[in-house]
Amino acid sequence: MKEELTSHIMHKCHPKTLLAENVDEGIPAFTVAISDTSKNYCVGLVDIVNSTKITSKLPQNKLASYYEIFLNSMANILNKFGGVAIKNIGDSLLFYFPESSHPKRKFGFLSCLECTLAMVEEHEKIKDVLKNEGLPSVDYRVSVDYGSISFMKSANTSIDIFGTPVNMSVKINRQAPVNGIIIGGDMYRLVKDFDEYYFKEAEGFSIGLKQTYSIYSVRRKSVD
């Protein structure tokens, strides 16, 4: 009798049994639909510096307010310059610029650069808002690159993007100055002749296999 009871308990507690009894079959399976076409766009990432250390001691409600203020501030700036926020990845925000799909049209690239500069120039205002809410200060980095991306849609999420400029904007972000901007070499080749900005080559960024990728900091030229 004891052995039968033990066997019954073990059977009921088996992971497969528990899953079968508790998983909601109404949840749609994860499936992905990827666009057959791809286009070149400016893709960027704005990422908080040392966020784990800064937020580790915040209660959940304060933590939510901290990220809400920062992410919404960035999203509002994107909206003003025609940028599209794709998703937040933890404490960062991924975005792209639809108007940058035409490499010979300066407007899309100007919008991208002006937007990222506006993000950096908003730093002090965001700090003041956080201070007024009794929240820690924030620092962040902005990175942008250019290249081919595809659009992806899953049953459980909104539209996502993937491609080399997505990966590169994530990888080069740490090379940006704190509260500054870094762009990849593919982006630089398209904007290097813009007279409105200073571009300074940073130390070559390693992409593995003994290869380096040129990256550049960006700042606005002062207006006399």
N, C-alpha and C. Protein backbone atom coordinates (compact mmCIF):
# COMPACT_ATOMS: atom_id res chain seq x y z
N MET A 1 0.84 -1.21 0.00
CA MET A 1 0.00 0.00 0.00
C MET A 1 0.87 1.26 0.00
N LYS A 2 1.93 1.24 0.83
CA LYS A 2 2.84 2.38 0.92
C LYS A 2 3.54 2.61 -0.41
N GLU A 3 3.96 1.49 -1.07
CA GLU A 3 4.64 1.59 -2.36
C GLU A 3 3.72 2.15 -3.42
N GLU A 4 2.42 1.75 -3.38
CA GLU A 4 1.45 2.24 -4.36
C GLU A 4 1.22 3.74 -4.17
N LEU A 5 1.14 4.20 -2.90
CA LEU A 5 0.94 5.61 -2.61
C LEU A 5 2.13 6.44 -3.07
N THR A 6 3.35 5.92 -2.78
CA THR A 6 4.57 6.61 -3.22
C THR A 6 4.63 6.73 -4.72
N SER A 7 4.28 5.64 -5.41
CA SER A 7 4.28 5.64 -6.87
C SER A 7 3.27 6.64 -7.41
N HIS A 8 2.10 6.73 -6.76
CA HIS A 8 1.06 7.66 -7.20
C HIS A 8 1.52 9.11 -7.03
N ILE A 9 2.16 9.40 -5.88
CA ILE A 9 2.65 10.76 -5.62
C ILE A 9 3.73 11.14 -6.62
N MET A 10 4.67 10.19 -6.88
CA MET A 10 5.75 10.45 -7.82
C MET A 10 5.20 10.68 -9.21
N HIS A 11 4.17 9.92 -9.57
CA HIS A 11 3.55 10.08 -10.89
C HIS A 11 2.90 11.45 -11.00
N LYS A 12 2.19 11.87 -9.95
CA LYS A 12 1.50 13.16 -9.98
C LYS A 12 2.49 14.32 -10.01
N CYS A 13 3.69 14.12 -9.41
CA CYS A 13 4.65 15.20 -9.34
C CYS A 13 5.64 15.20 -10.51
N HIS A 14 5.51 14.23 -11.41
CA HIS A 14 6.42 14.19 -12.55
C HIS A 14 6.25 15.47 -13.38
N PRO A 15 7.35 16.08 -13.82
CA PRO A 15 7.23 17.34 -14.57
C PRO A 15 6.28 17.27 -15.75
N LYS A 16 6.31 16.17 -16.50
CA LYS A 16 5.41 16.05 -17.66
C LYS A 16 3.95 16.07 -17.23
N THR A 17 3.68 15.41 -16.09
CA THR A 17 2.31 15.38 -15.59
C THR A 17 1.87 16.76 -15.14
N LEU A 18 2.76 17.45 -14.40
CA LEU A 18 2.44 18.79 -13.93
C LEU A 18 2.21 19.75 -15.10
N LEU A 19 3.04 19.63 -16.13
CA LEU A 19 2.88 20.49 -17.29
C LEU A 19 1.57 20.22 -18.00
N ALA A 20 1.26 18.94 -18.15
CA ALA A 20 0.03 18.57 -18.85
C ALA A 20 -1.20 19.08 -18.12
N GLU A 21 -1.11 19.13 -16.78
CA GLU A 21 -2.27 19.54 -15.99
C GLU A 21 -2.38 21.06 -15.85
N ASN A 22 -1.27 21.79 -16.04
CA ASN A 22 -1.29 23.21 -15.73
C ASN A 22 -1.04 24.16 -16.90
N VAL A 23 -0.48 23.68 -17.99
CA VAL A 23 -0.21 24.57 -19.11
C VAL A 23 -1.51 24.95 -19.79
N ASP A 24 -1.66 26.23 -20.05
CA ASP A 24 -2.85 26.74 -20.72
C ASP A 24 -2.74 26.47 -22.21
N GLU A 25 -3.57 25.56 -22.71
CA GLU A 25 -3.51 25.20 -24.12
C GLU A 25 -4.01 26.33 -25.02
N GLY A 26 -4.59 27.36 -24.41
CA GLY A 26 -5.07 28.48 -25.21
C GLY A 26 -3.98 29.44 -25.63
N ILE A 27 -2.78 29.30 -25.03
CA ILE A 27 -1.66 30.16 -25.40
C ILE A 27 -1.13 29.73 -26.75
N PRO A 28 -1.06 30.66 -27.71
CA PRO A 28 -0.60 30.27 -29.04
C PRO A 28 0.87 29.85 -29.04
N ALA A 29 1.21 28.89 -29.89
CA ALA A 29 2.59 28.44 -30.01
C ALA A 29 3.43 29.57 -30.60
N PHE A 30 4.71 29.57 -30.24
CA PHE A 30 5.61 30.61 -30.75
C PHE A 30 5.96 30.30 -32.20
N THR A 31 5.53 31.13 -33.10
CA THR A 31 5.86 31.00 -34.51
C THR A 31 6.34 32.36 -35.02
N VAL A 32 7.20 32.32 -36.01
CA VAL A 32 7.80 33.54 -36.53
C VAL A 32 7.56 33.65 -38.03
N ALA A 33 7.18 34.84 -38.47
CA ALA A 33 7.06 35.12 -39.90
C ALA A 33 8.07 36.21 -40.25
N ILE A 34 8.97 35.91 -41.19
CA ILE A 34 10.03 36.84 -41.58
C ILE A 34 9.77 37.35 -42.98
N SER A 35 9.90 38.63 -43.16
CA SER A 35 9.67 39.24 -44.47
C SER A 35 10.64 38.69 -45.50
N ASP A 36 10.15 38.50 -46.73
CA ASP A 36 10.99 38.01 -47.81
C ASP A 36 11.95 39.08 -48.33
N THR A 37 11.66 40.32 -48.02
CA THR A 37 12.49 41.43 -48.52
C THR A 37 13.24 42.10 -47.38
N SER A 38 14.30 42.77 -47.73
CA SER A 38 15.07 43.52 -46.74
C SER A 38 15.42 44.89 -47.33
N LYS A 39 15.67 45.84 -46.45
CA LYS A 39 16.04 47.19 -46.86
C LYS A 39 17.14 47.72 -45.95
N ASN A 40 17.84 48.72 -46.44
CA ASN A 40 18.87 49.37 -45.64
C ASN A 40 18.27 50.51 -44.83
N TYR A 41 18.62 50.55 -43.55
CA TYR A 41 18.13 51.61 -42.67
C TYR A 41 19.20 51.98 -41.65
N CYS A 42 19.05 53.17 -41.08
CA CYS A 42 19.80 53.53 -39.88
C CYS A 42 19.14 52.85 -38.69
N VAL A 43 19.93 52.13 -37.92
CA VAL A 43 19.43 51.41 -36.74
C VAL A 43 20.25 51.85 -35.53
N GLY A 44 19.57 52.12 -34.43
CA GLY A 44 20.29 52.61 -33.26
C GLY A 44 19.86 51.98 -31.95
N LEU A 45 20.67 52.22 -30.95
CA LEU A 45 20.40 51.72 -29.60
C LEU A 45 20.82 52.78 -28.60
N VAL A 46 19.96 53.06 -27.64
CA VAL A 46 20.33 53.92 -26.51
C VAL A 46 20.27 53.05 -25.27
N ASP A 47 21.37 53.04 -24.50
CA ASP A 47 21.52 52.09 -23.40
C ASP A 47 22.01 52.80 -22.15
N ILE A 48 21.37 52.51 -21.02
CA ILE A 48 21.76 53.10 -19.74
C ILE A 48 23.10 52.53 -19.27
N VAL A 49 23.96 53.37 -18.73
CA VAL A 49 25.26 52.96 -18.22
C VAL A 49 25.13 52.51 -16.76
N ASN A 50 25.69 51.33 -16.46
CA ASN A 50 25.72 50.80 -15.08
C ASN A 50 24.35 50.72 -14.44
N SER A 51 23.35 50.35 -15.21
CA SER A 51 21.99 50.36 -14.67
C SER A 51 21.78 49.32 -13.56
N THR A 52 22.43 48.17 -13.69
CA THR A 52 22.24 47.12 -12.67
C THR A 52 22.68 47.61 -11.30
N LYS A 53 23.83 48.24 -11.26
CA LYS A 53 24.35 48.76 -9.99
C LYS A 53 23.47 49.88 -9.45
N ILE A 54 23.00 50.74 -10.35
CA ILE A 54 22.20 51.90 -9.94
C ILE A 54 20.84 51.49 -9.40
N THR A 55 20.23 50.52 -10.06
CA THR A 55 18.84 50.18 -9.73
C THR A 55 18.69 49.01 -8.77
N SER A 56 19.78 48.37 -8.40
CA SER A 56 19.69 47.14 -7.60
C SER A 56 19.03 47.35 -6.24
N LYS A 57 19.11 48.56 -5.71
CA LYS A 57 18.54 48.82 -4.38
C LYS A 57 17.20 49.56 -4.43
N LEU A 58 16.68 49.76 -5.63
CA LEU A 58 15.40 50.45 -5.76
C LEU A 58 14.24 49.48 -5.55
N PRO A 59 13.20 49.88 -4.82
CA PRO A 59 11.99 49.06 -4.75
C PRO A 59 11.33 49.02 -6.12
N GLN A 60 10.46 48.05 -6.32
CA GLN A 60 9.89 47.81 -7.65
C GLN A 60 9.17 49.03 -8.21
N ASN A 61 8.42 49.74 -7.36
CA ASN A 61 7.69 50.90 -7.89
C ASN A 61 8.63 52.02 -8.33
N LYS A 62 9.73 52.21 -7.60
CA LYS A 62 10.72 53.21 -7.98
C LYS A 62 11.47 52.78 -9.24
N LEU A 63 11.75 51.49 -9.33
CA LEU A 63 12.43 50.95 -10.50
C LEU A 63 11.60 51.17 -11.75
N ALA A 64 10.30 50.91 -11.63
CA ALA A 64 9.40 51.10 -12.77
C ALA A 64 9.38 52.57 -13.20
N SER A 65 9.33 53.47 -12.23
CA SER A 65 9.32 54.91 -12.55
C SER A 65 10.62 55.34 -13.22
N TYR A 66 11.73 54.80 -12.74
CA TYR A 66 13.05 55.13 -13.29
C TYR A 66 13.12 54.80 -14.78
N TYR A 67 12.76 53.56 -15.11
CA TYR A 67 12.81 53.14 -16.51
C TYR A 67 11.75 53.84 -17.35
N GLU A 68 10.59 54.07 -16.76
CA GLU A 68 9.50 54.73 -17.48
C GLU A 68 9.90 56.14 -17.91
N ILE A 69 10.50 56.88 -17.00
CA ILE A 69 10.93 58.25 -17.31
C ILE A 69 11.98 58.25 -18.42
N PHE A 70 12.96 57.38 -18.29
CA PHE A 70 14.03 57.34 -19.29
C PHE A 70 13.53 56.88 -20.66
N LEU A 71 12.87 55.73 -20.70
CA LEU A 71 12.43 55.17 -21.98
C LEU A 71 11.41 56.05 -22.67
N ASN A 72 10.50 56.63 -21.91
CA ASN A 72 9.50 57.52 -22.52
C ASN A 72 10.14 58.81 -23.05
N SER A 73 11.15 59.30 -22.35
CA SER A 73 11.86 60.49 -22.83
C SER A 73 12.53 60.20 -24.17
N MET A 74 13.18 59.04 -24.27
CA MET A 74 13.84 58.67 -25.52
C MET A 74 12.82 58.45 -26.64
N ALA A 75 11.72 57.79 -26.32
CA ALA A 75 10.69 57.52 -27.32
C ALA A 75 10.06 58.81 -27.84
N ASN A 76 9.86 59.78 -26.97
CA ASN A 76 9.29 61.07 -27.39
C ASN A 76 10.23 61.80 -28.35
N ILE A 77 11.52 61.73 -28.08
CA ILE A 77 12.49 62.35 -28.98
C ILE A 77 12.49 61.64 -30.33
N LEU A 78 12.46 60.33 -30.31
CA LEU A 78 12.39 59.57 -31.56
C LEU A 78 11.21 60.00 -32.40
N ASN A 79 10.07 60.15 -31.75
CA ASN A 79 8.85 60.52 -32.46
C ASN A 79 8.99 61.88 -33.15
N LYS A 80 9.67 62.80 -32.52
CA LYS A 80 9.85 64.15 -33.09
C LYS A 80 10.69 64.13 -34.37
N PHE A 81 11.57 63.15 -34.49
CA PHE A 81 12.48 63.11 -35.63
C PHE A 81 12.16 61.98 -36.62
N GLY A 82 10.99 61.39 -36.48
CA GLY A 82 10.60 60.35 -37.42
C GLY A 82 11.20 58.99 -37.17
N GLY A 83 11.80 58.81 -35.99
CA GLY A 83 12.34 57.50 -35.64
C GLY A 83 11.24 56.60 -35.10
N VAL A 84 11.47 55.30 -35.17
CA VAL A 84 10.49 54.33 -34.69
C VAL A 84 11.13 53.45 -33.63
N ALA A 85 10.55 53.46 -32.43
CA ALA A 85 11.02 52.57 -31.36
C ALA A 85 10.51 51.16 -31.65
N ILE A 86 11.43 50.21 -31.69
CA ILE A 86 11.05 48.82 -31.97
C ILE A 86 10.76 48.07 -30.68
N LYS A 87 11.66 48.15 -29.73
CA LYS A 87 11.45 47.43 -28.46
C LYS A 87 12.48 47.90 -27.45
N ASN A 88 12.16 47.70 -26.18
CA ASN A 88 13.17 47.91 -25.16
C ASN A 88 13.79 46.56 -24.83
N ILE A 89 15.09 46.55 -24.68
CA ILE A 89 15.83 45.33 -24.34
C ILE A 89 16.43 45.57 -22.97
N GLY A 90 15.70 45.18 -21.93
CA GLY A 90 16.16 45.48 -20.58
C GLY A 90 16.14 46.97 -20.35
N ASP A 91 17.32 47.57 -20.23
CA ASP A 91 17.43 49.00 -19.96
C ASP A 91 17.84 49.79 -21.20
N SER A 92 17.63 49.23 -22.37
CA SER A 92 17.98 49.92 -23.61
C SER A 92 16.78 49.97 -24.55
N LEU A 93 16.88 50.83 -25.56
CA LEU A 93 15.80 50.98 -26.52
C LEU A 93 16.37 50.87 -27.93
N LEU A 94 15.80 49.95 -28.71
CA LEU A 94 16.22 49.73 -30.10
C LEU A 94 15.28 50.51 -31.03
N PHE A 95 15.85 51.16 -32.04
CA PHE A 95 15.03 51.98 -32.93
C PHE A 95 15.61 52.01 -34.34
N TYR A 96 14.80 52.51 -35.28
CA TYR A 96 15.30 52.70 -36.65
C TYR A 96 14.59 53.89 -37.28
N PHE A 97 15.11 54.32 -38.44
CA PHE A 97 14.59 55.49 -39.13
C PHE A 97 14.11 55.11 -40.53
N PRO A 98 12.79 55.03 -40.73
CA PRO A 98 12.24 54.63 -42.03
C PRO A 98 12.71 55.50 -43.19
N GLU A 99 12.92 56.80 -42.94
CA GLU A 99 13.31 57.71 -44.02
C GLU A 99 14.75 57.51 -44.48
N SER A 100 15.50 56.67 -43.80
CA SER A 100 16.91 56.46 -44.16
C SER A 100 17.09 55.33 -45.17
N SER A 101 16.00 54.84 -45.74
CA SER A 101 16.10 53.72 -46.69
C SER A 101 16.66 54.16 -48.04
N HIS A 102 16.73 55.47 -48.28
CA HIS A 102 17.25 55.98 -49.55
C HIS A 102 18.61 56.63 -49.31
N PRO A 103 19.70 55.96 -49.65
CA PRO A 103 21.04 56.46 -49.29
C PRO A 103 21.40 57.81 -49.89
N LYS A 104 20.73 58.22 -50.96
CA LYS A 104 21.06 59.50 -51.59
C LYS A 104 20.22 60.66 -51.07
N ARG A 105 19.28 60.35 -50.17
CA ARG A 105 18.46 61.40 -49.59
C ARG A 105 19.03 61.78 -48.23
N LYS A 106 19.49 63.00 -48.12
CA LYS A 106 20.17 63.45 -46.91
C LYS A 106 19.23 63.53 -45.72
N PHE A 107 17.94 63.79 -45.98
CA PHE A 107 17.00 64.05 -44.89
C PHE A 107 16.96 62.92 -43.87
N GLY A 108 16.88 61.67 -44.33
CA GLY A 108 16.77 60.55 -43.40
C GLY A 108 17.96 60.43 -42.47
N PHE A 109 19.15 60.72 -42.99
CA PHE A 109 20.37 60.61 -42.18
C PHE A 109 20.52 61.82 -41.25
N LEU A 110 20.11 62.99 -41.74
CA LEU A 110 20.08 64.16 -40.86
C LEU A 110 19.14 63.93 -39.69
N SER A 111 17.98 63.36 -39.98
CA SER A 111 17.01 63.09 -38.92
C SER A 111 17.60 62.17 -37.87
N CYS A 112 18.31 61.15 -38.33
CA CYS A 112 18.93 60.19 -37.41
C CYS A 112 19.97 60.87 -36.54
N LEU A 113 20.88 61.62 -37.15
CA LEU A 113 21.94 62.27 -36.38
C LEU A 113 21.38 63.33 -35.43
N GLU A 114 20.43 64.11 -35.92
CA GLU A 114 19.83 65.14 -35.06
C GLU A 114 19.08 64.52 -33.89
N CYS A 115 18.45 63.39 -34.14
CA CYS A 115 17.71 62.70 -33.08
C CYS A 115 18.66 62.19 -32.00
N THR A 116 19.75 61.56 -32.42
CA THR A 116 20.68 61.02 -31.43
C THR A 116 21.35 62.15 -30.64
N LEU A 117 21.64 63.25 -31.31
CA LEU A 117 22.19 64.41 -30.60
C LEU A 117 21.17 64.99 -29.62
N ALA A 118 19.91 65.01 -30.03
CA ALA A 118 18.85 65.50 -29.13
C ALA A 118 18.73 64.60 -27.90
N MET A 119 18.92 63.29 -28.09
CA MET A 119 18.90 62.37 -26.96
C MET A 119 19.98 62.73 -25.95
N VAL A 120 21.18 62.98 -26.46
CA VAL A 120 22.30 63.34 -25.59
C VAL A 120 22.06 64.69 -24.93
N GLU A 121 21.54 65.64 -25.69
CA GLU A 121 21.31 66.99 -25.16
C GLU A 121 20.16 67.05 -24.16
N GLU A 122 19.36 65.99 -24.11
CA GLU A 122 18.26 65.92 -23.15
C GLU A 122 18.72 65.42 -21.79
N HIS A 123 19.98 65.06 -21.68
CA HIS A 123 20.50 64.41 -20.48
C HIS A 123 20.21 65.19 -19.20
N GLU A 124 20.53 66.47 -19.19
CA GLU A 124 20.35 67.26 -17.97
C GLU A 124 18.88 67.36 -17.57
N LYS A 125 18.00 67.50 -18.55
CA LYS A 125 16.56 67.58 -18.25
C LYS A 125 16.06 66.28 -17.63
N ILE A 126 16.51 65.16 -18.18
CA ILE A 126 16.09 63.86 -17.62
C ILE A 126 16.61 63.71 -16.20
N LYS A 127 17.84 64.13 -15.96
CA LYS A 127 18.40 64.08 -14.60
C LYS A 127 17.55 64.89 -13.63
N ASP A 128 17.11 66.06 -14.06
CA ASP A 128 16.28 66.91 -13.20
C ASP A 128 14.94 66.25 -12.88
N VAL A 129 14.34 65.62 -13.89
CA VAL A 129 13.06 64.93 -13.66
C VAL A 129 13.24 63.80 -12.67
N LEU A 130 14.30 63.02 -12.85
CA LEU A 130 14.57 61.91 -11.94
C LEU A 130 14.82 62.42 -10.52
N LYS A 131 15.57 63.49 -10.40
CA LYS A 131 15.86 64.06 -9.08
C LYS A 131 14.59 64.51 -8.39
N ASN A 132 13.70 65.14 -9.14
CA ASN A 132 12.43 65.61 -8.56
C ASN A 132 11.56 64.45 -8.08
N GLU A 133 11.76 63.28 -8.67
CA GLU A 133 11.00 62.09 -8.27
C GLU A 133 11.73 61.27 -7.20
N GLY A 134 12.85 61.79 -6.73
CA GLY A 134 13.62 61.08 -5.72
C GLY A 134 14.32 59.85 -6.26
N LEU A 135 14.70 59.90 -7.54
CA LEU A 135 15.32 58.76 -8.20
C LEU A 135 16.78 59.05 -8.54
N PRO A 136 17.60 58.01 -8.71
CA PRO A 136 19.01 58.22 -9.03
C PRO A 136 19.20 58.88 -10.40
N SER A 137 20.36 59.44 -10.60
CA SER A 137 20.70 60.04 -11.89
C SER A 137 20.88 58.96 -12.95
N VAL A 138 20.97 59.37 -14.20
CA VAL A 138 21.12 58.41 -15.29
C VAL A 138 22.18 58.91 -16.27
N ASP A 139 22.97 57.98 -16.76
CA ASP A 139 23.89 58.23 -17.87
C ASP A 139 23.61 57.18 -18.93
N TYR A 140 23.91 57.50 -20.17
CA TYR A 140 23.61 56.55 -21.23
C TYR A 140 24.51 56.76 -22.44
N ARG A 141 24.49 55.80 -23.32
CA ARG A 141 25.26 55.85 -24.57
C ARG A 141 24.32 55.61 -25.74
N VAL A 142 24.63 56.23 -26.88
CA VAL A 142 23.83 56.05 -28.09
C VAL A 142 24.74 55.52 -29.20
N SER A 143 24.28 54.50 -29.90
CA SER A 143 25.05 53.93 -31.01
C SER A 143 24.15 53.74 -32.22
N VAL A 144 24.72 53.94 -33.41
CA VAL A 144 23.96 53.82 -34.65
C VAL A 144 24.83 53.19 -35.73
N ASP A 145 24.21 52.36 -36.56
CA ASP A 145 24.89 51.87 -37.76
C ASP A 145 23.88 51.75 -38.89
N TYR A 146 24.38 51.44 -40.06
CA TYR A 146 23.53 51.42 -41.26
C TYR A 146 23.72 50.10 -42.00
N GLY A 147 22.62 49.56 -42.51
CA GLY A 147 22.73 48.34 -43.30
C GLY A 147 21.39 47.67 -43.49
N SER A 148 21.45 46.47 -44.01
CA SER A 148 20.25 45.73 -44.39
C SER A 148 19.58 45.07 -43.18
N ILE A 149 18.28 45.28 -43.06
CA ILE A 149 17.51 44.61 -42.01
C ILE A 149 16.27 43.96 -42.61
N SER A 150 15.79 42.96 -41.92
CA SER A 150 14.52 42.33 -42.27
C SER A 150 13.56 42.50 -41.10
N PHE A 151 12.29 42.45 -41.41
CA PHE A 151 11.26 42.59 -40.38
C PHE A 151 10.71 41.22 -40.01
N MET A 152 10.43 41.05 -38.74
CA MET A 152 9.97 39.78 -38.22
C MET A 152 8.74 40.00 -37.35
N LYS A 153 7.80 39.10 -37.46
CA LYS A 153 6.57 39.17 -36.65
C LYS A 153 6.30 37.80 -36.07
N SER A 154 6.08 37.74 -34.77
CA SER A 154 5.71 36.48 -34.12
C SER A 154 4.28 36.58 -33.62
N ALA A 155 3.73 35.43 -33.24
CA ALA A 155 2.35 35.40 -32.77
C ALA A 155 2.20 36.12 -31.44
N ASN A 156 3.30 36.24 -30.69
CA ASN A 156 3.22 36.78 -29.34
C ASN A 156 3.78 38.19 -29.19
N THR A 157 4.39 38.73 -30.24
CA THR A 157 5.02 40.04 -30.11
C THR A 157 4.66 40.94 -31.27
N SER A 158 5.02 42.21 -31.12
CA SER A 158 4.85 43.15 -32.22
C SER A 158 6.01 42.97 -33.20
N ILE A 159 6.09 43.85 -34.18
CA ILE A 159 7.13 43.74 -35.21
C ILE A 159 8.52 43.91 -34.60
N ASP A 160 9.45 43.10 -35.06
CA ASP A 160 10.84 43.17 -34.63
C ASP A 160 11.72 43.29 -35.87
N ILE A 161 12.97 43.64 -35.70
CA ILE A 161 13.90 43.72 -36.81
C ILE A 161 15.16 42.94 -36.47
N PHE A 162 15.84 42.44 -37.52
CA PHE A 162 17.12 41.81 -37.29
C PHE A 162 18.00 42.00 -38.52
N GLY A 163 19.29 41.91 -38.31
CA GLY A 163 20.26 42.12 -39.38
C GLY A 163 21.55 42.67 -38.82
N THR A 164 22.53 42.83 -39.68
CA THR A 164 23.86 43.26 -39.25
C THR A 164 23.85 44.60 -38.50
N PRO A 165 23.13 45.63 -38.97
CA PRO A 165 23.18 46.91 -38.22
C PRO A 165 22.57 46.81 -36.83
N VAL A 166 21.63 45.89 -36.64
CA VAL A 166 21.09 45.68 -35.30
C VAL A 166 22.19 45.13 -34.39
N ASN A 167 22.86 44.09 -34.87
CA ASN A 167 23.93 43.48 -34.08
C ASN A 167 25.06 44.47 -33.81
N MET A 168 25.43 45.24 -34.84
CA MET A 168 26.56 46.16 -34.68
C MET A 168 26.22 47.32 -33.74
N SER A 169 25.01 47.84 -33.82
CA SER A 169 24.65 48.95 -32.93
C SER A 169 24.67 48.50 -31.47
N VAL A 170 24.34 47.24 -31.23
CA VAL A 170 24.42 46.70 -29.87
C VAL A 170 25.88 46.53 -29.45
N LYS A 171 26.69 45.97 -30.34
CA LYS A 171 28.08 45.66 -29.99
C LYS A 171 28.94 46.90 -29.79
N ILE A 172 28.72 47.93 -30.60
CA ILE A 172 29.59 49.11 -30.50
C ILE A 172 29.12 50.10 -29.44
N ASN A 173 27.98 49.84 -28.83
CA ASN A 173 27.42 50.82 -27.89
C ASN A 173 28.38 51.14 -26.75
N ARG A 174 29.06 50.14 -26.22
CA ARG A 174 29.97 50.37 -25.10
C ARG A 174 31.18 51.22 -25.48
N GLN A 175 31.41 51.37 -26.78
CA GLN A 175 32.54 52.18 -27.23
C GLN A 175 32.18 53.67 -27.29
N ALA A 176 30.91 53.98 -27.15
CA ALA A 176 30.48 55.39 -27.19
C ALA A 176 30.91 56.10 -25.91
N PRO A 177 31.20 57.40 -25.99
CA PRO A 177 31.44 58.16 -24.76
C PRO A 177 30.18 58.14 -23.90
N VAL A 178 30.35 58.22 -22.60
CA VAL A 178 29.18 58.32 -21.73
C VAL A 178 28.43 59.60 -22.07
N ASN A 179 27.13 59.47 -22.27
CA ASN A 179 26.28 60.57 -22.73
C ASN A 179 26.79 61.12 -24.07
N GLY A 180 27.20 60.19 -24.92
CA GLY A 180 27.70 60.54 -26.24
C GLY A 180 27.23 59.53 -27.28
N ILE A 181 27.74 59.71 -28.50
CA ILE A 181 27.27 58.93 -29.65
C ILE A 181 28.45 58.27 -30.35
N ILE A 182 28.23 57.05 -30.81
CA ILE A 182 29.19 56.35 -31.66
C ILE A 182 28.44 55.82 -32.87
N ILE A 183 29.06 55.90 -34.05
CA ILE A 183 28.44 55.33 -35.25
C ILE A 183 29.41 54.35 -35.90
N GLY A 184 28.85 53.37 -36.60
CA GLY A 184 29.67 52.39 -37.29
C GLY A 184 30.20 52.92 -38.61
N GLY A 185 31.19 52.22 -39.15
CA GLY A 185 31.82 52.64 -40.39
C GLY A 185 30.88 52.70 -41.57
N ASP A 186 29.90 51.80 -41.62
CA ASP A 186 28.94 51.80 -42.73
C ASP A 186 28.07 53.05 -42.70
N MET A 187 27.72 53.49 -41.51
CA MET A 187 26.97 54.74 -41.35
C MET A 187 27.87 55.93 -41.69
N TYR A 188 29.08 55.89 -41.22
CA TYR A 188 30.02 57.01 -41.43
C TYR A 188 30.23 57.30 -42.91
N ARG A 189 30.34 56.26 -43.73
CA ARG A 189 30.58 56.47 -45.16
C ARG A 189 29.48 57.28 -45.83
N LEU A 190 28.30 57.24 -45.27
CA LEU A 190 27.16 57.96 -45.85
C LEU A 190 26.99 59.38 -45.30
N VAL A 191 27.59 59.67 -44.16
CA VAL A 191 27.38 60.98 -43.53
C VAL A 191 28.67 61.78 -43.33
N LYS A 192 29.79 61.22 -43.74
CA LYS A 192 31.09 61.86 -43.44
C LYS A 192 31.24 63.24 -44.06
N ASP A 193 30.49 63.52 -45.12
CA ASP A 193 30.60 64.82 -45.78
C ASP A 193 29.59 65.85 -45.26
N PHE A 194 28.81 65.48 -44.26
CA PHE A 194 27.86 66.42 -43.68
C PHE A 194 28.65 67.49 -42.91
N ASP A 195 28.48 68.73 -43.29
CA ASP A 195 29.27 69.81 -42.68
C ASP A 195 28.81 70.20 -41.28
N GLU A 196 27.65 69.70 -40.89
CA GLU A 196 27.08 70.13 -39.61
C GLU A 196 27.72 69.46 -38.39
N TYR A 197 28.57 68.43 -38.62
CA TYR A 197 29.04 67.62 -37.50
C TYR A 197 30.54 67.37 -37.57
N TYR A 198 31.10 67.12 -36.39
CA TYR A 198 32.47 66.63 -36.29
C TYR A 198 32.42 65.12 -36.10
N PHE A 199 33.24 64.41 -36.86
CA PHE A 199 33.37 62.96 -36.71
C PHE A 199 34.81 62.65 -36.32
N LYS A 200 34.98 61.87 -35.29
CA LYS A 200 36.32 61.50 -34.84
C LYS A 200 36.42 59.99 -34.74
N GLU A 201 37.40 59.43 -35.46
CA GLU A 201 37.55 57.97 -35.43
C GLU A 201 38.01 57.53 -34.05
N ALA A 202 37.32 56.52 -33.55
CA ALA A 202 37.68 55.94 -32.26
C ALA A 202 38.59 54.75 -32.50
N GLU A 203 39.10 54.20 -31.43
CA GLU A 203 39.95 53.02 -31.55
C GLU A 203 39.18 51.91 -32.25
N GLY A 204 39.83 51.23 -33.17
CA GLY A 204 39.17 50.19 -33.96
C GLY A 204 38.47 49.17 -33.08
N PHE A 205 37.27 48.82 -33.45
CA PHE A 205 36.47 47.87 -32.68
C PHE A 205 36.65 46.48 -33.26
N SER A 206 37.04 45.52 -32.45
CA SER A 206 37.26 44.16 -32.93
C SER A 206 35.94 43.43 -33.11
N ILE A 207 35.79 42.82 -34.30
CA ILE A 207 34.60 42.00 -34.55
C ILE A 207 34.96 40.52 -34.63
N GLY A 208 36.14 40.18 -34.12
CA GLY A 208 36.58 38.80 -34.10
C GLY A 208 37.38 38.43 -35.34
N LEU A 209 38.01 37.25 -35.28
CA LEU A 209 38.80 36.73 -36.40
C LEU A 209 39.85 37.75 -36.87
N LYS A 210 40.41 38.49 -35.91
CA LYS A 210 41.46 39.48 -36.17
C LYS A 210 41.01 40.60 -37.10
N GLN A 211 39.70 40.84 -37.14
CA GLN A 211 39.17 41.93 -37.96
C GLN A 211 38.73 43.08 -37.07
N THR A 212 38.94 44.29 -37.56
CA THR A 212 38.46 45.47 -36.85
C THR A 212 37.44 46.20 -37.70
N TYR A 213 36.61 46.97 -37.03
CA TYR A 213 35.55 47.73 -37.70
C TYR A 213 35.67 49.17 -37.24
N SER A 214 35.80 50.08 -38.18
CA SER A 214 35.98 51.49 -37.83
C SER A 214 34.71 52.07 -37.22
N ILE A 215 34.88 52.83 -36.17
CA ILE A 215 33.76 53.48 -35.50
C ILE A 215 34.14 54.93 -35.22
N TYR A 216 33.11 55.79 -35.09
CA TYR A 216 33.35 57.23 -35.01
C TYR A 216 32.42 57.88 -33.99
N SER A 217 32.98 58.75 -33.18
CA SER A 217 32.15 59.56 -32.30
C SER A 217 31.61 60.74 -33.10
N VAL A 218 30.49 61.28 -32.65
CA VAL A 218 29.83 62.38 -33.37
C VAL A 218 29.50 63.50 -32.40
N ARG A 219 29.74 64.71 -32.83
CA ARG A 219 29.26 65.86 -32.06
C ARG A 219 28.89 66.98 -33.02
N ARG A 220 28.07 67.86 -32.54
CA ARG A 220 27.59 68.96 -33.36
C ARG A 220 28.64 70.08 -33.41
N LYS A 221 28.78 70.68 -34.59
CA LYS A 221 29.65 71.85 -34.70
C LYS A 221 28.97 73.03 -34.01
N SER A 222 29.74 73.81 -33.29
CA SER A 222 29.17 74.96 -32.60
C SER A 222 28.75 76.02 -33.60
N VAL A 223 27.66 76.70 -33.27
CA VAL A 223 27.15 77.75 -34.14
C VAL A 223 27.67 79.09 -33.64
N ASP A 224 28.40 79.80 -34.48
CA ASP A 224 28.96 81.11 -34.08
C ASP A 224 27.89 82.20 -34.09
